[in-house]
Amino acid sequence: MVGNADLLQANDADGLVAGIAAARTGVELVIGDRLASAGRMPFVRRKVNQWMTARLSALTGRRLADSQCGFRLVNLAAWSRVTLRADRFETESELLVAFLHAGFKVEFVPVQVIYGMGGSKIHPIADAWRWVRWWMKNRKRATPR
């Protein structure tokens, strides 16, 4: 419990102090931003991340920092008020878009880039295709309030 908010923290804990500080100000979704250190990301992942983040920025009408970072602090009460249908790697995108469309506050905090601590669970072709299908279905949504 942070202040009056129940939170779920997922994945890397770098930036946790900044994330908790943002959550205490009433931000419902805090997402890590690795792009300040993007040069430390594998080239293909960095380019795909930048491409996906640009697509989601256009979809939401908001300049987003790092839409695919796994570091997230989520206000559980807010999360219970959005509907998510995705169940794979496109869930990060769907959660971000749903929070913005619901009018919830979303902020990005700097986190470190950490790779090499275990194999990736990403299946590049299957997961990219699944994300593109998700984006095609959702790209005509109205911009958030």
Protein backbone atom coordinates (compact mmCIF):
# COMPACT_ATOMS: atom_id res chain seq x y z
CA MET A 1 0.00 0.00 0.00
CA VAL A 2 1.38 3.40 -1.02
CA GLY A 3 -0.62 6.26 0.47
CA ASN A 4 -4.24 5.30 -0.28
CA ALA A 5 -3.42 3.25 -3.38
CA ASP A 6 -2.97 -0.47 -3.76
CA LEU A 7 -0.27 -1.01 -6.35
CA LEU A 8 1.10 -3.85 -8.40
CA GLN A 9 4.76 -3.62 -9.36
CA ALA A 10 5.82 -5.82 -12.25
CA ASN A 11 9.25 -6.81 -13.59
CA ASP A 12 12.47 -4.81 -13.07
CA ALA A 13 12.59 -2.78 -9.85
CA ASP A 14 14.95 -0.06 -11.11
CA GLY A 15 13.36 3.32 -10.68
CA LEU A 16 11.12 2.05 -7.90
CA VAL A 17 11.68 5.15 -5.74
CA ALA A 18 10.69 7.49 -8.60
CA GLY A 19 7.74 5.25 -9.43
CA ILE A 20 6.44 5.28 -5.87
CA ALA A 21 6.91 9.06 -5.70
CA ALA A 22 4.77 9.43 -8.86
CA ALA A 23 2.14 7.03 -7.52
CA ARG A 24 1.88 9.08 -4.32
CA THR A 25 0.88 12.10 -6.40
CA GLY A 26 -2.17 10.25 -7.72
CA VAL A 27 -0.72 8.80 -10.91
CA GLU A 28 -2.62 5.59 -11.71
CA LEU A 29 -0.03 4.06 -14.05
CA VAL A 30 3.73 4.53 -13.80
CA ILE A 31 5.85 3.04 -16.60
CA GLY A 32 9.62 2.80 -16.79
CA ASP A 33 11.46 4.66 -19.53
CA ARG A 34 14.61 2.90 -20.78
CA LEU A 35 15.06 5.09 -23.83
CA ALA A 36 17.42 7.56 -22.14
CA SER A 37 19.85 4.62 -22.18
CA ALA A 38 18.53 3.15 -25.43
CA GLY A 39 22.05 2.53 -26.73
CA ARG A 40 22.33 -0.29 -24.20
CA MET A 41 19.29 -2.06 -25.69
CA PRO A 42 19.82 -4.64 -28.44
CA PHE A 43 19.49 -2.83 -31.78
CA VAL A 44 16.43 -4.70 -33.08
CA ARG A 45 14.54 -4.40 -29.77
CA ARG A 46 15.34 -0.68 -29.59
CA LYS A 47 14.05 -0.05 -33.13
CA VAL A 48 10.92 -2.17 -32.65
CA ASN A 49 10.23 -0.45 -29.32
CA GLN A 50 10.61 3.00 -30.90
CA TRP A 51 8.32 1.99 -33.79
CA MET A 52 5.65 0.58 -31.46
CA THR A 53 5.86 3.60 -29.15
CA ALA A 54 5.42 5.94 -32.15
CA ARG A 55 2.31 3.98 -33.25
CA LEU A 56 0.84 4.18 -29.74
CA SER A 57 1.66 7.89 -29.47
CA ALA A 58 -0.31 8.48 -32.67
CA LEU A 59 -3.14 6.26 -31.41
CA THR A 60 -3.48 8.06 -28.09
CA GLY A 61 -2.65 11.58 -29.20
CA ARG A 62 0.03 11.78 -26.52
CA ARG A 63 3.81 11.70 -26.83
CA LEU A 64 4.78 8.50 -25.02
CA ALA A 65 8.25 7.59 -23.77
CA ASP A 66 8.70 3.78 -23.65
CA SER A 67 5.45 1.94 -24.20
CA GLN A 68 6.97 -1.54 -23.97
CA CYS A 69 8.90 -1.32 -20.70
CA GLY A 70 7.92 -4.04 -18.24
CA PHE A 71 8.49 -1.84 -15.18
CA ARG A 72 5.00 -0.75 -14.13
CA LEU A 73 3.25 0.44 -11.02
CA VAL A 74 -0.47 0.02 -11.48
CA ASN A 75 -3.20 1.40 -9.24
CA LEU A 76 -5.36 -1.68 -8.73
CA ALA A 77 -8.60 0.27 -8.26
CA ALA A 78 -8.04 1.96 -11.63
CA TRP A 79 -7.06 -1.34 -13.25
CA SER A 80 -10.33 -2.89 -12.07
CA ARG A 81 -12.20 -0.20 -14.05
CA VAL A 82 -10.67 -1.01 -17.46
CA THR A 83 -11.30 -4.03 -19.65
CA LEU A 84 -8.35 -5.84 -21.16
CA ARG A 85 -8.69 -8.57 -23.75
CA ALA A 86 -5.04 -9.22 -24.63
CA ASP A 87 -3.15 -11.96 -22.84
CA ARG A 88 0.36 -11.82 -24.31
CA PHE A 89 2.97 -9.14 -24.96
CA GLU A 90 0.39 -6.78 -26.46
CA THR A 91 -1.09 -6.46 -22.96
CA GLU A 92 1.41 -3.69 -22.11
CA SER A 93 0.10 -1.64 -25.02
CA GLU A 94 -3.53 -2.38 -24.28
CA LEU A 95 -3.15 -1.43 -20.61
CA LEU A 96 -1.47 1.88 -21.51
CA VAL A 97 -4.10 2.78 -24.12
CA ALA A 98 -6.98 1.76 -21.83
CA PHE A 99 -5.68 3.91 -18.96
CA LEU A 100 -5.25 6.94 -21.20
CA HIS A 101 -8.68 6.50 -22.78
CA ALA A 102 -10.24 6.18 -19.32
CA GLY A 103 -8.65 9.52 -18.37
CA PHE A 104 -6.24 8.06 -15.81
CA LYS A 105 -2.91 9.75 -15.13
CA VAL A 106 0.08 8.01 -16.73
CA GLU A 107 3.71 8.98 -16.15
CA PHE A 108 7.06 7.58 -17.24
CA VAL A 109 10.09 7.39 -14.91
CA PRO A 110 13.69 6.66 -15.94
CA VAL A 111 14.88 3.10 -15.33
CA GLN A 112 18.08 1.29 -16.17
CA VAL A 113 18.43 -0.95 -19.21
CA ILE A 114 19.16 -4.48 -18.01
CA TYR A 115 19.64 -7.38 -20.42
CA GLY A 116 21.36 -10.72 -20.13
CA MET A 117 19.71 -11.90 -16.90
CA GLY A 118 17.88 -14.79 -18.56
CA GLY A 119 16.44 -15.68 -21.89
CA SER A 120 13.73 -13.67 -23.53
CA LYS A 121 10.21 -15.06 -23.66
CA ILE A 122 9.48 -13.06 -26.82
CA HIS A 123 8.72 -14.97 -30.01
CA PRO A 124 9.60 -12.23 -32.52
CA ILE A 125 7.42 -13.25 -35.46
CA ALA A 126 4.38 -14.53 -33.56
CA ASP A 127 4.41 -11.71 -31.00
CA ALA A 128 4.99 -9.00 -33.63
CA TRP A 129 2.08 -10.36 -35.70
CA ARG A 130 -0.18 -10.51 -32.62
CA TRP A 131 0.73 -6.89 -31.72
CA VAL A 132 0.12 -5.63 -35.28
CA ARG A 133 -3.30 -7.36 -35.31
CA TRP A 134 -4.12 -5.74 -31.93
CA TRP A 135 -2.97 -2.32 -33.18
CA MET A 136 -4.99 -2.62 -36.42
CA LYS A 137 -8.14 -3.31 -34.38
CA ASN A 138 -7.50 -0.39 -32.02
CA ARG A 139 -5.93 2.29 -34.21
CA LYS A 140 -9.24 3.94 -35.04
CA ARG A 141 -10.13 4.65 -31.41
CA ALA A 142 -10.76 8.27 -30.52
CA THR A 143 -7.99 10.11 -28.74
CA PRO A 144 -8.31 10.28 -24.95
CA ARG A 145 -9.96 13.13 -23.06
